[in-house]
Amino acid sequence: MATRLHVQKVHKVEYADIEHFSWKLEQFKDLLYTTDCSVIQQNEYSSNFEVPKSEYRQTISVLKNYDNLDGEEQEEIYHAVIQLMGIEYTSKPEKEVITELISILEEYFAAAEPDVDYLFFEFW
């Protein structure tokens, strides 16, 4: 079973400084799916995947505009966020949790290889 998230730069795997998503492969993918972001992987059991940068940026944009989403969409996204970020976040205000997640996603984006159109994520 996949355990720890690794961010791949220049096709070299480097540990991410942030460990929020370790042991959260499926939850991370669920959040991406919830925001209509493509997750490309070899098969459903693969512990690594790619995400087009344009769609990853769209995920960040959806989260930044969370307050403008309709109630059903907000509920679906917030459920995915809580699953990813951890149950302890249910005691925090929604906006604070969303803002923290946006910060984490932006750090991963900044760490990605600039000349490649995809972000590579690997759990092992």
PDB file of N, CA and C in Angstrom:
ATOM      1  N   MET A   1       0.838  -1.177   0.000  1.00  0.00           N
ATOM      2  CA  MET A   1       0.000   0.000   0.000  1.00  0.00           C
ATOM      3  C   MET A   1       0.882   1.240   0.000  1.00  0.00           C
ATOM      4  N   ALA A   2       0.494   2.218  -0.762  1.00  0.00           N
ATOM      5  CA  ALA A   2       1.237   3.481  -0.831  1.00  0.00           C
ATOM      6  C   ALA A   2       1.167   4.197   0.505  1.00  0.00           C
ATOM      7  N   THR A   3       2.259   4.837   0.858  1.00  0.00           N
ATOM      8  CA  THR A   3       2.296   5.482   2.161  1.00  0.00           C
ATOM      9  C   THR A   3       2.635   6.956   2.099  1.00  0.00           C
ATOM     10  N   ARG A   4       3.714   7.304   1.492  1.00  0.00           N
ATOM     11  CA  ARG A   4       4.222   8.662   1.557  1.00  0.00           C
ATOM     12  C   ARG A   4       4.248   9.314   0.189  1.00  0.00           C
ATOM     13  N   LEU A   5       3.826  10.553   0.095  1.00  0.00           N
ATOM     14  CA  LEU A   5       3.809  11.255  -1.180  1.00  0.00           C
ATOM     15  C   LEU A   5       5.196  11.773  -1.505  1.00  0.00           C
ATOM     16  N   HIS A   6       5.610  11.570  -2.742  1.00  0.00           N
ATOM     17  CA  HIS A   6       6.884  12.064  -3.239  1.00  0.00           C
ATOM     18  C   HIS A   6       6.592  12.910  -4.472  1.00  0.00           C
ATOM     19  N   VAL A   7       7.237  14.048  -4.603  1.00  0.00           N
ATOM     20  CA  VAL A   7       7.059  14.923  -5.750  1.00  0.00           C
ATOM     21  C   VAL A   7       8.244  14.728  -6.676  1.00  0.00           C
ATOM     22  N   GLN A   8       7.968  14.484  -7.942  1.00  0.00           N
ATOM     23  CA  GLN A   8       9.030  14.193  -8.897  1.00  0.00           C
ATOM     24  C   GLN A   8       9.411  15.458  -9.651  1.00  0.00           C
ATOM     25  N   LYS A   9      10.700  15.815  -9.607  1.00  0.00           N
ATOM     26  CA  LYS A   9      11.249  16.952 -10.328  1.00  0.00           C
ATOM     27  C   LYS A   9      12.346  16.442 -11.252  1.00  0.00           C
ATOM     28  N   VAL A  10      12.342  16.899 -12.468  1.00  0.00           N
ATOM     29  CA  VAL A  10      13.331  16.487 -13.461  1.00  0.00           C
ATOM     30  C   VAL A  10      13.476  14.966 -13.437  1.00  0.00           C
ATOM     31  N   HIS A  11      12.349  14.321 -13.308  1.00  0.00           N
ATOM     32  CA  HIS A  11      12.284  12.860 -13.270  1.00  0.00           C
ATOM     33  C   HIS A  11      13.154  12.262 -12.170  1.00  0.00           C
ATOM     34  N   LYS A  12      13.371  13.023 -11.118  1.00  0.00           N
ATOM     35  CA  LYS A  12      14.015  12.522  -9.909  1.00  0.00           C
ATOM     36  C   LYS A  12      13.007  12.710  -8.796  1.00  0.00           C
ATOM     37  N   VAL A  13      12.847  11.713  -7.977  1.00  0.00           N
ATOM     38  CA  VAL A  13      11.895  11.813  -6.879  1.00  0.00           C
ATOM     39  C   VAL A  13      12.559  12.515  -5.706  1.00  0.00           C
ATOM     40  N   GLU A  14      11.867  13.505  -5.176  1.00  0.00           N
ATOM     41  CA  GLU A  14      12.333  14.219  -3.992  1.00  0.00           C
ATOM     42  C   GLU A  14      11.210  14.226  -2.976  1.00  0.00           C
ATOM     43  N   TYR A  15      11.574  14.081  -1.722  1.00  0.00           N
ATOM     44  CA  TYR A  15      10.557  14.159  -0.690  1.00  0.00           C
ATOM     45  C   TYR A  15      10.000  15.569  -0.634  1.00  0.00           C
ATOM     46  N   ALA A  16       8.712  15.654  -0.515  1.00  0.00           N
ATOM     47  CA  ALA A  16       8.084  16.958  -0.324  1.00  0.00           C
ATOM     48  C   ALA A  16       8.318  17.377   1.123  1.00  0.00           C
ATOM     49  N   ASP A  17       8.485  18.657   1.322  1.00  0.00           N
ATOM     50  CA  ASP A  17       8.679  19.153   2.688  1.00  0.00           C
ATOM     51  C   ASP A  17       7.409  19.027   3.514  1.00  0.00           C
ATOM     52  N   ILE A  18       6.296  18.952   2.838  1.00  0.00           N
ATOM     53  CA  ILE A  18       5.007  18.891   3.520  1.00  0.00           C
ATOM     54  C   ILE A  18       4.550  17.444   3.559  1.00  0.00           C
ATOM     55  N   GLU A  19       4.153  16.977   4.702  1.00  0.00           N
ATOM     56  CA  GLU A  19       3.748  15.587   4.834  1.00  0.00           C
ATOM     57  C   GLU A  19       2.247  15.425   5.000  1.00  0.00           C
ATOM     58  N   HIS A  20       1.494  16.440   4.683  1.00  0.00           N
ATOM     59  CA  HIS A  20       0.045  16.353   4.857  1.00  0.00           C
ATOM     60  C   HIS A  20      -0.581  15.196   4.089  1.00  0.00           C
ATOM     61  N   PHE A  21      -0.048  14.877   2.922  1.00  0.00           N
ATOM     62  CA  PHE A  21      -0.715  13.899   2.081  1.00  0.00           C
ATOM     63  C   PHE A  21      -0.109  12.500   2.189  1.00  0.00           C
ATOM     64  N   SER A  22       0.863  12.312   3.064  1.00  0.00           N
ATOM     65  CA  SER A  22       1.419  10.975   3.239  1.00  0.00           C
ATOM     66  C   SER A  22       0.313  10.041   3.718  1.00  0.00           C
ATOM     67  N   TRP A  23       0.309   8.843   3.173  1.00  0.00           N
ATOM     68  CA  TRP A  23      -0.694   7.823   3.455  1.00  0.00           C
ATOM     69  C   TRP A  23      -2.065   8.211   2.895  1.00  0.00           C
ATOM     70  N   LYS A  24      -2.137   9.193   1.994  1.00  0.00           N
ATOM     71  CA  LYS A  24      -3.425   9.709   1.516  1.00  0.00           C
ATOM     72  C   LYS A  24      -3.526   9.689  -0.014  1.00  0.00           C
ATOM     73  N   LEU A  25      -3.008   8.660  -0.634  1.00  0.00           N
ATOM     74  CA  LEU A  25      -3.035   8.556  -2.094  1.00  0.00           C
ATOM     75  C   LEU A  25      -4.454   8.682  -2.638  1.00  0.00           C
ATOM     76  N   GLU A  26      -5.360   7.840  -2.166  1.00  0.00           N
ATOM     77  CA  GLU A  26      -6.728   7.838  -2.692  1.00  0.00           C
ATOM     78  C   GLU A  26      -7.450   9.142  -2.378  1.00  0.00           C
ATOM     79  N   GLN A  27      -7.228   9.680  -1.188  1.00  0.00           N
ATOM     80  CA  GLN A  27      -7.879  10.930  -0.813  1.00  0.00           C
ATOM     81  C   GLN A  27      -7.388  12.096  -1.673  1.00  0.00           C
ATOM     82  N   PHE A  28      -6.089  12.091  -1.988  1.00  0.00           N
ATOM     83  CA  PHE A  28      -5.524  13.133  -2.842  1.00  0.00           C
ATOM     84  C   PHE A  28      -6.145  13.051  -4.234  1.00  0.00           C
ATOM     85  N   LYS A  29      -6.201  11.833  -4.788  1.00  0.00           N
ATOM     86  CA  LYS A  29      -6.813  11.658  -6.099  1.00  0.00           C
ATOM     87  C   LYS A  29      -8.299  12.035  -6.059  1.00  0.00           C
ATOM     88  N   ASP A  30      -8.998  11.682  -4.988  1.00  0.00           N
ATOM     89  CA  ASP A  30     -10.421  12.027  -4.869  1.00  0.00           C
ATOM     90  C   ASP A  30     -10.635  13.537  -4.928  1.00  0.00           C
ATOM     91  N   LEU A  31      -9.776  14.297  -4.256  1.00  0.00           N
ATOM     92  CA  LEU A  31      -9.902  15.752  -4.311  1.00  0.00           C
ATOM     93  C   LEU A  31      -9.717  16.237  -5.751  1.00  0.00           C
ATOM     94  N   LEU A  32      -8.720  15.705  -6.425  1.00  0.00           N
ATOM     95  CA  LEU A  32      -8.469  16.109  -7.809  1.00  0.00           C
ATOM     96  C   LEU A  32      -9.658  15.755  -8.694  1.00  0.00           C
ATOM     97  N   TYR A  33     -10.197  14.548  -8.535  1.00  0.00           N
ATOM     98  CA  TYR A  33     -11.371  14.144  -9.314  1.00  0.00           C
ATOM     99  C   TYR A  33     -12.562  15.061  -9.021  1.00  0.00           C
ATOM    100  N   THR A  34     -12.744  15.420  -7.775  1.00  0.00           N
ATOM    101  CA  THR A  34     -13.873  16.252  -7.359  1.00  0.00           C
ATOM    102  C   THR A  34     -13.835  17.617  -8.022  1.00  0.00           C
ATOM    103  N   THR A  35     -12.636  18.108  -8.323  1.00  0.00           N
ATOM    104  CA  THR A  35     -12.495  19.409  -8.975  1.00  0.00           C
ATOM    105  C   THR A  35     -12.288  19.250 -10.492  1.00  0.00           C
ATOM    106  N   ASP A  36     -12.646  18.080 -11.024  1.00  0.00           N
ATOM    107  CA  ASP A  36     -12.559  17.781 -12.465  1.00  0.00           C
ATOM    108  C   ASP A  36     -11.141  17.828 -13.011  1.00  0.00           C
ATOM    109  N   CYS A  37     -10.189  17.430 -12.211  1.00  0.00           N
ATOM    110  CA  CYS A  37      -8.793  17.369 -12.625  1.00  0.00           C
ATOM    111  C   CYS A  37      -8.477  15.937 -13.061  1.00  0.00           C
ATOM    112  N   SER A  38      -7.844  15.792 -14.200  1.00  0.00           N
ATOM    113  CA  SER A  38      -7.471  14.467 -14.697  1.00  0.00           C
ATOM    114  C   SER A  38      -6.326  13.890 -13.875  1.00  0.00           C
ATOM    115  N   VAL A  39      -6.447  12.627 -13.559  1.00  0.00           N
ATOM    116  CA  VAL A  39      -5.378  11.893 -12.889  1.00  0.00           C
ATOM    117  C   VAL A  39      -4.985  10.762 -13.828  1.00  0.00           C
ATOM    118  N   ILE A  40      -3.745  10.799 -14.293  1.00  0.00           N
ATOM    119  CA  ILE A  40      -3.276   9.826 -15.273  1.00  0.00           C
ATOM    120  C   ILE A  40      -2.354   8.845 -14.563  1.00  0.00           C
ATOM    121  N   GLN A  41      -2.730   7.565 -14.610  1.00  0.00           N
ATOM    122  CA  GLN A  41      -1.908   6.535 -13.979  1.00  0.00           C
ATOM    123  C   GLN A  41      -1.961   5.277 -14.820  1.00  0.00           C
ATOM    124  N   GLN A  42      -0.965   4.407 -14.611  1.00  0.00           N
ATOM    125  CA  GLN A  42      -0.872   3.185 -15.412  1.00  0.00           C
ATOM    126  C   GLN A  42      -2.098   2.307 -15.231  1.00  0.00           C
ATOM    127  N   ASN A  43      -2.494   2.102 -13.995  1.00  0.00           N
ATOM    128  CA  ASN A  43      -3.673   1.300 -13.698  1.00  0.00           C
ATOM    129  C   ASN A  43      -4.232   1.751 -12.353  1.00  0.00           C
ATOM    130  N   GLU A  44      -5.368   1.214 -11.982  1.00  0.00           N
ATOM    131  CA  GLU A  44      -6.022   1.663 -10.754  1.00  0.00           C
ATOM    132  C   GLU A  44      -5.237   1.326  -9.484  1.00  0.00           C
ATOM    133  N   TYR A  45      -4.270   0.434  -9.583  1.00  0.00           N
ATOM    134  CA  TYR A  45      -3.478   0.049  -8.419  1.00  0.00           C
ATOM    135  C   TYR A  45      -2.143   0.791  -8.339  1.00  0.00           C
ATOM    136  N   SER A  46      -1.871   1.622  -9.302  1.00  0.00           N
ATOM    137  CA  SER A  46      -0.605   2.344  -9.367  1.00  0.00           C
ATOM    138  C   SER A  46      -0.502   3.353  -8.227  1.00  0.00           C
ATOM    139  N   SER A  47       0.685   3.483  -7.682  1.00  0.00           N
ATOM    140  CA  SER A  47       0.895   4.443  -6.589  1.00  0.00           C
ATOM    141  C   SER A  47       1.596   5.707  -7.076  1.00  0.00           C
ATOM    142  N   ASN A  48       1.659   5.875  -8.384  1.00  0.00           N
ATOM    143  CA  ASN A  48       2.161   7.133  -8.924  1.00  0.00           C
ATOM    144  C   ASN A  48       1.193   7.602  -9.996  1.00  0.00           C
ATOM    145  N   PHE A  49       1.167   8.913 -10.191  1.00  0.00           N
ATOM    146  CA  PHE A  49       0.267   9.458 -11.190  1.00  0.00           C
ATOM    147  C   PHE A  49       0.755  10.820 -11.653  1.00  0.00           C
ATOM    148  N   GLU A  50       0.208  11.246 -12.775  1.00  0.00           N
ATOM    149  CA  GLU A  50       0.522  12.543 -13.358  1.00  0.00           C
ATOM    150  C   GLU A  50      -0.758  13.367 -13.408  1.00  0.00           C
ATOM    151  N   VAL A  51      -0.578  14.680 -13.328  1.00  0.00           N
ATOM    152  CA  VAL A  51      -1.697  15.602 -13.429  1.00  0.00           C
ATOM    153  C   VAL A  51      -1.273  16.727 -14.373  1.00  0.00           C
ATOM    154  N   PRO A  52      -2.083  17.025 -15.389  1.00  0.00           N
ATOM    155  CA  PRO A  52      -1.736  18.156 -16.257  1.00  0.00           C
ATOM    156  C   PRO A  52      -1.677  19.446 -15.431  1.00  0.00           C
ATOM    157  N   LYS A  53      -0.629  20.223 -15.639  1.00  0.00           N
ATOM    158  CA  LYS A  53      -0.468  21.458 -14.859  1.00  0.00           C
ATOM    159  C   LYS A  53      -1.657  22.400 -15.014  1.00  0.00           C
ATOM    160  N   SER A  54      -2.188  22.490 -16.224  1.00  0.00           N
ATOM    161  CA  SER A  54      -3.323  23.396 -16.442  1.00  0.00           C
ATOM    162  C   SER A  54      -4.524  22.983 -15.593  1.00  0.00           C
ATOM    163  N   GLU A  55      -4.755  21.691 -15.470  1.00  0.00           N
ATOM    164  CA  GLU A  55      -5.881  21.209 -14.667  1.00  0.00           C
ATOM    165  C   GLU A  55      -5.588  21.329 -13.171  1.00  0.00           C
ATOM    166  N   TYR A  56      -4.336  21.136 -12.797  1.00  0.00           N
ATOM    167  CA  TYR A  56      -3.946  21.306 -11.401  1.00  0.00           C
ATOM    168  C   TYR A  56      -4.166  22.762 -10.982  1.00  0.00           C
ATOM    169  N   ARG A  57      -3.796  23.700 -11.861  1.00  0.00           N
ATOM    170  CA  ARG A  57      -4.045  25.119 -11.584  1.00  0.00           C
ATOM    171  C   ARG A  57      -5.543  25.385 -11.477  1.00  0.00           C
ATOM    172  N   GLN A  58      -6.324  24.684 -12.299  1.00  0.00           N
ATOM    173  CA  GLN A  58      -7.781  24.834 -12.230  1.00  0.00           C
ATOM    174  C   GLN A  58      -8.312  24.344 -10.886  1.00  0.00           C
ATOM    175  N   THR A  59      -7.750  23.268 -10.360  1.00  0.00           N
ATOM    176  CA  THR A  59      -8.139  22.789  -9.029  1.00  0.00           C
ATOM    177  C   THR A  59      -7.888  23.877  -7.995  1.00  0.00           C
ATOM    178  N   ILE A  60      -6.736  24.503  -8.059  1.00  0.00           N
ATOM    179  CA  ILE A  60      -6.411  25.586  -7.130  1.00  0.00           C
ATOM    180  C   ILE A  60      -7.402  26.732  -7.301  1.00  0.00           C
ATOM    181  N   SER A  61      -7.731  27.050  -8.536  1.00  0.00           N
ATOM    182  CA  SER A  61      -8.682  28.125  -8.815  1.00  0.00           C
ATOM    183  C   SER A  61     -10.071  27.807  -8.251  1.00  0.00           C
ATOM    184  N   VAL A  62     -10.514  26.570  -8.417  1.00  0.00           N
ATOM    185  CA  VAL A  62     -11.816  26.160  -7.868  1.00  0.00           C
ATOM    186  C   VAL A  62     -11.814  26.349  -6.355  1.00  0.00           C
ATOM    187  N   LEU A  63     -10.731  25.944  -5.710  1.00  0.00           N
ATOM    188  CA  LEU A  63     -10.643  26.084  -4.254  1.00  0.00           C
ATOM    189  C   LEU A  63     -10.599  27.555  -3.830  1.00  0.00           C
ATOM    190  N   LYS A  64      -9.911  28.385  -4.614  1.00  0.00           N
ATOM    191  CA  LYS A  64      -9.852  29.811  -4.299  1.00  0.00           C
ATOM    192  C   LYS A  64     -11.230  30.471  -4.433  1.00  0.00           C
ATOM    193  N   ASN A  65     -12.073  29.922  -5.298  1.00  0.00           N
ATOM    194  CA  ASN A  65     -13.423  30.450  -5.506  1.00  0.00           C
ATOM    195  C   ASN A  65     -14.481  29.610  -4.797  1.00  0.00           C
ATOM    196  N   TYR A  66     -14.068  28.882  -3.777  1.00  0.00           N
ATOM    197  CA  TYR A  66     -14.936  27.971  -3.033  1.00  0.00           C
ATOM    198  C   TYR A  66     -16.221  28.656  -2.565  1.00  0.00           C
ATOM    199  N   ASP A  67     -16.123  29.877  -2.085  1.00  0.00           N
ATOM    200  CA  ASP A  67     -17.295  30.585  -1.564  1.00  0.00           C
ATOM    201  C   ASP A  67     -18.335  30.872  -2.643  1.00  0.00           C
ATOM    202  N   ASN A  68     -17.927  30.869  -3.906  1.00  0.00           N
ATOM    203  CA  ASN A  68     -18.844  31.173  -5.006  1.00  0.00           C
ATOM    204  C   ASN A  68     -19.492  29.932  -5.620  1.00  0.00           C
ATOM    205  N   LEU A  69     -19.122  28.750  -5.134  1.00  0.00           N
ATOM    206  CA  LEU A  69     -19.682  27.505  -5.657  1.00  0.00           C
ATOM    207  C   LEU A  69     -21.075  27.288  -5.076  1.00  0.00           C
ATOM    208  N   ASP A  70     -21.882  26.492  -5.781  1.00  0.00           N
ATOM    209  CA  ASP A  70     -23.202  26.185  -5.223  1.00  0.00           C
ATOM    210  C   ASP A  70     -23.041  25.231  -4.045  1.00  0.00           C
ATOM    211  N   GLY A  71     -24.065  25.161  -3.232  1.00  0.00           N
ATOM    212  CA  GLY A  71     -24.001  24.398  -1.976  1.00  0.00           C
ATOM    213  C   GLY A  71     -23.626  22.944  -2.138  1.00  0.00           C
ATOM    214  N   GLU A  72     -24.198  22.281  -3.160  1.00  0.00           N
ATOM    215  CA  GLU A  72     -23.905  20.865  -3.371  1.00  0.00           C
ATOM    216  C   GLU A  72     -22.440  20.653  -3.764  1.00  0.00           C
ATOM    217  N   GLU A  73     -21.944  21.521  -4.633  1.00  0.00           N
ATOM    218  CA  GLU A  73     -20.549  21.419  -5.058  1.00  0.00           C
ATOM    219  C   GLU A  73     -19.606  21.714  -3.889  1.00  0.00           C
ATOM    220  N   GLN A  74     -19.944  22.723  -3.091  1.00  0.00           N
ATOM    221  CA  GLN A  74     -19.143  23.028  -1.898  1.00  0.00           C
ATOM    222  C   GLN A  74     -19.084  21.827  -0.964  1.00  0.00           C
ATOM    223  N   GLU A  75     -20.229  21.199  -0.749  1.00  0.00           N
ATOM    224  CA  GLU A  75     -20.295  20.053   0.166  1.00  0.00           C
ATOM    225  C   GLU A  75     -19.427  18.900  -0.332  1.00  0.00           C
ATOM    226  N   GLU A  76     -19.514  18.616  -1.630  1.00  0.00           N
ATOM    227  CA  GLU A  76     -18.718  17.529  -2.209  1.00  0.00           C
ATOM    228  C   GLU A  76     -17.220  17.819  -2.091  1.00  0.00           C
ATOM    229  N   ILE A  77     -16.825  19.036  -2.412  1.00  0.00           N
ATOM    230  CA  ILE A  77     -15.411  19.406  -2.330  1.00  0.00           C
ATOM    231  C   ILE A  77     -14.941  19.416  -0.886  1.00  0.00           C
ATOM    232  N   TYR A  78     -15.738  19.973   0.016  1.00  0.00           N
ATOM    233  CA  TYR A  78     -15.305  20.042   1.408  1.00  0.00           C
ATOM    234  C   TYR A  78     -15.168  18.643   2.010  1.00  0.00           C
ATOM    235  N   HIS A  79     -16.038  17.729   1.619  1.00  0.00           N
ATOM    236  CA  HIS A  79     -15.905  16.344   2.091  1.00  0.00           C
ATOM    237  C   HIS A  79     -14.563  15.761   1.639  1.00  0.00           C
ATOM    238  N   ALA A  80     -14.195  15.986   0.374  1.00  0.00           N
ATOM    239  CA  ALA A  80     -12.903  15.497  -0.137  1.00  0.00           C
ATOM    240  C   ALA A  80     -11.748  16.177   0.593  1.00  0.00           C
ATOM    241  N   VAL A  81     -11.890  17.461   0.878  1.00  0.00           N
ATOM    242  CA  VAL A  81     -10.840  18.205   1.589  1.00  0.00           C
ATOM    243  C   VAL A  81     -10.640  17.640   2.988  1.00  0.00           C
ATOM    244  N   ILE A  82     -11.719  17.408   3.699  1.00  0.00           N
ATOM    245  CA  ILE A  82     -11.629  16.870   5.074  1.00  0.00           C
ATOM    246  C   ILE A  82     -10.992  15.487   5.063  1.00  0.00           C
ATOM    247  N   GLN A  83     -11.361  14.655   4.089  1.00  0.00           N
ATOM    248  CA  GLN A  83     -10.763  13.319   3.996  1.00  0.00           C
ATOM    249  C   GLN A  83      -9.261  13.402   3.762  1.00  0.00           C
ATOM    250  N   LEU A  84      -8.851  14.365   2.947  1.00  0.00           N
ATOM    251  CA  LEU A  84      -7.434  14.531   2.632  1.00  0.00           C
ATOM    252  C   LEU A  84      -6.663  15.165   3.787  1.00  0.00           C
ATOM    253  N   MET A  85      -7.206  16.206   4.345  1.00  0.00           N
ATOM    254  CA  MET A  85      -6.492  16.983   5.362  1.00  0.00           C
ATOM    255  C   MET A  85      -6.551  16.333   6.743  1.00  0.00           C
ATOM    256  N   GLY A  86      -7.545  15.513   7.001  1.00  0.00           N
ATOM    257  CA  GLY A  86      -7.634  14.834   8.288  1.00  0.00           C
ATOM    258  C   GLY A  86      -8.831  15.296   9.090  1.00  0.00           C
ATOM    259  N   ILE A  87      -9.328  14.408   9.879  1.00  0.00           N
ATOM    260  CA  ILE A  87     -10.552  14.645  10.637  1.00  0.00           C
ATOM    261  C   ILE A  87     -10.416  15.800  11.632  1.00  0.00           C
ATOM    262  N   GLU A  88      -9.203  16.071  12.115  1.00  0.00           N
ATOM    263  CA  GLU A  88      -9.015  17.155  13.075  1.00  0.00           C
ATOM    264  C   GLU A  88      -9.377  18.516  12.490  1.00  0.00           C
ATOM    265  N   TYR A  89      -9.457  18.586  11.176  1.00  0.00           N
ATOM    266  CA  TYR A  89      -9.787  19.855  10.536  1.00  0.00           C
ATOM    267  C   TYR A  89     -11.277  20.176  10.590  1.00  0.00           C
ATOM    268  N   THR A  90     -12.095  19.222  10.997  1.00  0.00           N
ATOM    269  CA  THR A  90     -13.528  19.500  11.072  1.00  0.00           C
ATOM    270  C   THR A  90     -13.837  20.540  12.133  1.00  0.00           C
ATOM    271  N   SER A  91     -12.926  20.743  13.076  1.00  0.00           N
ATOM    272  CA  SER A  91     -13.153  21.743  14.125  1.00  0.00           C
ATOM    273  C   SER A  91     -12.720  23.145  13.685  1.00  0.00           C
ATOM    274  N   LYS A  92     -12.043  23.248  12.536  1.00  0.00           N
ATOM    275  CA  LYS A  92     -11.605  24.542  12.023  1.00  0.00           C
ATOM    276  C   LYS A  92     -12.661  25.099  11.070  1.00  0.00           C
ATOM    277  N   PRO A  93     -12.720  26.410  10.926  1.00  0.00           N
ATOM    278  CA  PRO A  93     -13.635  26.993   9.931  1.00  0.00           C
ATOM    279  C   PRO A  93     -13.272  26.521   8.524  1.00  0.00           C
ATOM    280  N   GLU A  94     -14.302  26.304   7.692  1.00  0.00           N
ATOM    281  CA  GLU A  94     -14.078  25.808   6.327  1.00  0.00           C
ATOM    282  C   GLU A  94     -13.056  26.653   5.575  1.00  0.00           C
ATOM    283  N   LYS A  95     -13.193  27.954   5.632  1.00  0.00           N
ATOM    284  CA  LYS A  95     -12.312  28.850   4.863  1.00  0.00           C
ATOM    285  C   LYS A  95     -10.854  28.661   5.275  1.00  0.00           C
ATOM    286  N   GLU A  96     -10.605  28.462   6.552  1.00  0.00           N
ATOM    287  CA  GLU A  96      -9.237  28.262   7.042  1.00  0.00           C
ATOM    288  C   GLU A  96      -8.640  26.966   6.495  1.00  0.00           C
ATOM    289  N   VAL A  97      -9.439  25.908   6.459  1.00  0.00           N
ATOM    290  CA  VAL A  97      -8.976  24.615   5.946  1.00  0.00           C
ATOM    291  C   VAL A  97      -8.692  24.723   4.447  1.00  0.00           C
ATOM    292  N   ILE A  98      -9.599  25.345   3.712  1.00  0.00           N
ATOM    293  CA  ILE A  98      -9.432  25.510   2.265  1.00  0.00           C
ATOM    294  C   ILE A  98      -8.179  26.336   1.972  1.00  0.00           C
ATOM    295  N   THR A  99      -7.974  27.413   2.735  1.00  0.00           N
ATOM    296  CA  THR A  99      -6.808  28.276   2.532  1.00  0.00           C
ATOM    297  C   THR A  99      -5.511  27.508   2.788  1.00  0.00           C
ATOM    298  N   GLU A 100      -5.497  26.690   3.814  1.00  0.00           N
ATOM    299  CA  GLU A 100      -4.305  25.884   4.113  1.00  0.00           C
ATOM    300  C   GLU A 100      -4.038  24.881   2.986  1.00  0.00           C
ATOM    301  N   LEU A 101      -5.083  24.259   2.473  1.00  0.00           N
ATOM    302  CA  LEU A 101      -4.918  23.307   1.381  1.00  0.00           C
ATOM    303  C   LEU A 101      -4.392  24.005   0.125  1.00  0.00           C
ATOM    304  N   ILE A 102      -4.928  25.164  -0.188  1.00  0.00           N
ATOM    305  CA  ILE A 102      -4.452  25.926  -1.349  1.00  0.00           C
ATOM    306  C   ILE A 102      -2.960  26.195  -1.219  1.00  0.00           C
ATOM    307  N   SER A 103      -2.526  26.565  -0.051  1.00  0.00           N
ATOM    308  CA  SER A 103      -1.109  26.837   0.194  1.00  0.00           C
ATOM    309  C   SER A 103      -0.252  25.591  -0.085  1.00  0.00           C
ATOM    310  N   ILE A 104      -0.709  24.455   0.372  1.00  0.00           N
ATOM    311  CA  ILE A 104       0.021  23.197   0.156  1.00  0.00           C
ATOM    312  C   ILE A 104       0.078  22.865  -1.336  1.00  0.00           C
ATOM    313  N   LEU A 105      -1.058  22.974  -2.014  1.00  0.00           N
ATOM    314  CA  LEU A 105      -1.100  22.673  -3.448  1.00  0.00           C
ATOM    315  C   LEU A 105      -0.205  23.613  -4.241  1.00  0.00           C
ATOM    316  N   GLU A 106      -0.170  24.873  -3.852  1.00  0.00           N
ATOM    317  CA  GLU A 106       0.700  25.838  -4.536  1.00  0.00           C
ATOM    318  C   GLU A 106       2.176  25.528  -4.308  1.00  0.00           C
ATOM    319  N   GLU A 107       2.518  25.053  -3.119  1.00  0.00           N
ATOM    320  CA  GLU A 107       3.913  24.656  -2.869  1.00  0.00           C
ATOM    321  C   GLU A 107       4.320  23.493  -3.754  1.00  0.00           C
ATOM    322  N   TYR A 108       3.424  22.509  -3.915  1.00  0.00           N
ATOM    323  CA  TYR A 108       3.732  21.384  -4.801  1.00  0.00           C
ATOM    324  C   TYR A 108       3.897  21.859  -6.239  1.00  0.00           C
ATOM    325  N   PHE A 109       3.041  22.775  -6.659  1.00  0.00           N
ATOM    326  CA  PHE A 109       3.137  23.299  -8.018  1.00  0.00           C
ATOM    327  C   PHE A 109       4.471  24.016  -8.220  1.00  0.00           C
ATOM    328  N   ALA A 110       4.869  24.816  -7.256  1.00  0.00           N
ATOM    329  CA  ALA A 110       6.133  25.553  -7.346  1.00  0.00           C
ATOM    330  C   ALA A 110       7.336  24.601  -7.384  1.00  0.00           C
ATOM    331  N   ALA A 111       7.202  23.427  -6.770  1.00  0.00           N
ATOM    332  CA  ALA A 111       8.301  22.462  -6.720  1.00  0.00           C
ATOM    333  C   ALA A 111       8.406  21.623  -7.992  1.00  0.00           C
ATOM    334  N   ALA A 112       7.402  21.708  -8.852  1.00  0.00           N
ATOM    335  CA  ALA A 112       7.382  20.872 -10.054  1.00  0.00           C
ATOM    336  C   ALA A 112       8.394  21.353 -11.085  1.00  0.00           C
ATOM    337  N   GLU A 113       8.791  20.435 -11.944  1.00  0.00           N
ATOM    338  CA  GLU A 113       9.712  20.755 -13.025  1.00  0.00           C
ATOM    339  C   GLU A 113       9.053  21.777 -13.959  1.00  0.00           C
ATOM    340  N   PRO A 114       9.679  22.931 -14.175  1.00  0.00           N
ATOM    341  CA  PRO A 114       9.032  24.002 -14.936  1.00  0.00           C
ATOM    342  C   PRO A 114       8.833  23.708 -16.424  1.00  0.00           C
ATOM    343  N   ASP A 115       9.655  22.859 -17.011  1.00  0.00           N
ATOM    344  CA  ASP A 115       9.590  22.624 -18.454  1.00  0.00           C
ATOM    345  C   ASP A 115       8.697  21.451 -18.855  1.00  0.00           C
ATOM    346  N   VAL A 116       7.972  20.890 -17.916  1.00  0.00           N
ATOM    347  CA  VAL A 116       7.108  19.750 -18.195  1.00  0.00           C
ATOM    348  C   VAL A 116       5.664  20.180 -17.952  1.00  0.00           C
ATOM    349  N   ASP A 117       4.756  19.714 -18.790  1.00  0.00           N
ATOM    350  CA  ASP A 117       3.354  20.120 -18.695  1.00  0.00           C
ATOM    351  C   ASP A 117       2.556  19.349 -17.649  1.00  0.00           C
ATOM    352  N   TYR A 118       3.210  18.436 -16.943  1.00  0.00           N
ATOM    353  CA  TYR A 118       2.535  17.614 -15.950  1.00  0.00           C
ATOM    354  C   TYR A 118       3.246  17.714 -14.608  1.00  0.00           C
ATOM    355  N   LEU A 119       2.487  17.500 -13.546  1.00  0.00           N
ATOM    356  CA  LEU A 119       3.078  17.300 -12.227  1.00  0.00           C
ATOM    357  C   LEU A 119       3.101  15.795 -12.004  1.00  0.00           C
ATOM    358  N   PHE A 120       4.193  15.284 -11.483  1.00  0.00           N
ATOM    359  CA  PHE A 120       4.338  13.858 -11.218  1.00  0.00           C
ATOM    360  C   PHE A 120       4.299  13.640  -9.713  1.00  0.00           C
ATOM    361  N   PHE A 121       3.431  12.738  -9.278  1.00  0.00           N
ATOM    362  CA  PHE A 121       3.333  12.414  -7.867  1.00  0.00           C
ATOM    363  C   PHE A 121       3.564  10.914  -7.690  1.00  0.00           C
ATOM    364  N   GLU A 122       4.292  10.564  -6.656  1.00  0.00           N
ATOM    365  CA  GLU A 122       4.549   9.156  -6.392  1.00  0.00           C
ATOM    366  C   GLU A 122       4.495   8.908  -4.889  1.00  0.00           C
ATOM    367  N   PHE A 123       3.801   7.843  -4.531  1.00  0.00           N
ATOM    368  CA  PHE A 123       3.726   7.397  -3.138  1.00  0.00           C
ATOM    369  C   PHE A 123       4.471   6.077  -3.035  1.00  0.00           C
ATOM    370  N   TRP A 124       5.391   5.965  -2.076  1.00  0.00           N
ATOM    371  CA  TRP A 124       6.067   4.692  -1.807  1.00  0.00           C
ATOM    372  C   TRP A 124       6.702   4.696  -0.461  1.00  0.00           C
TER     373      TRP A 124
END
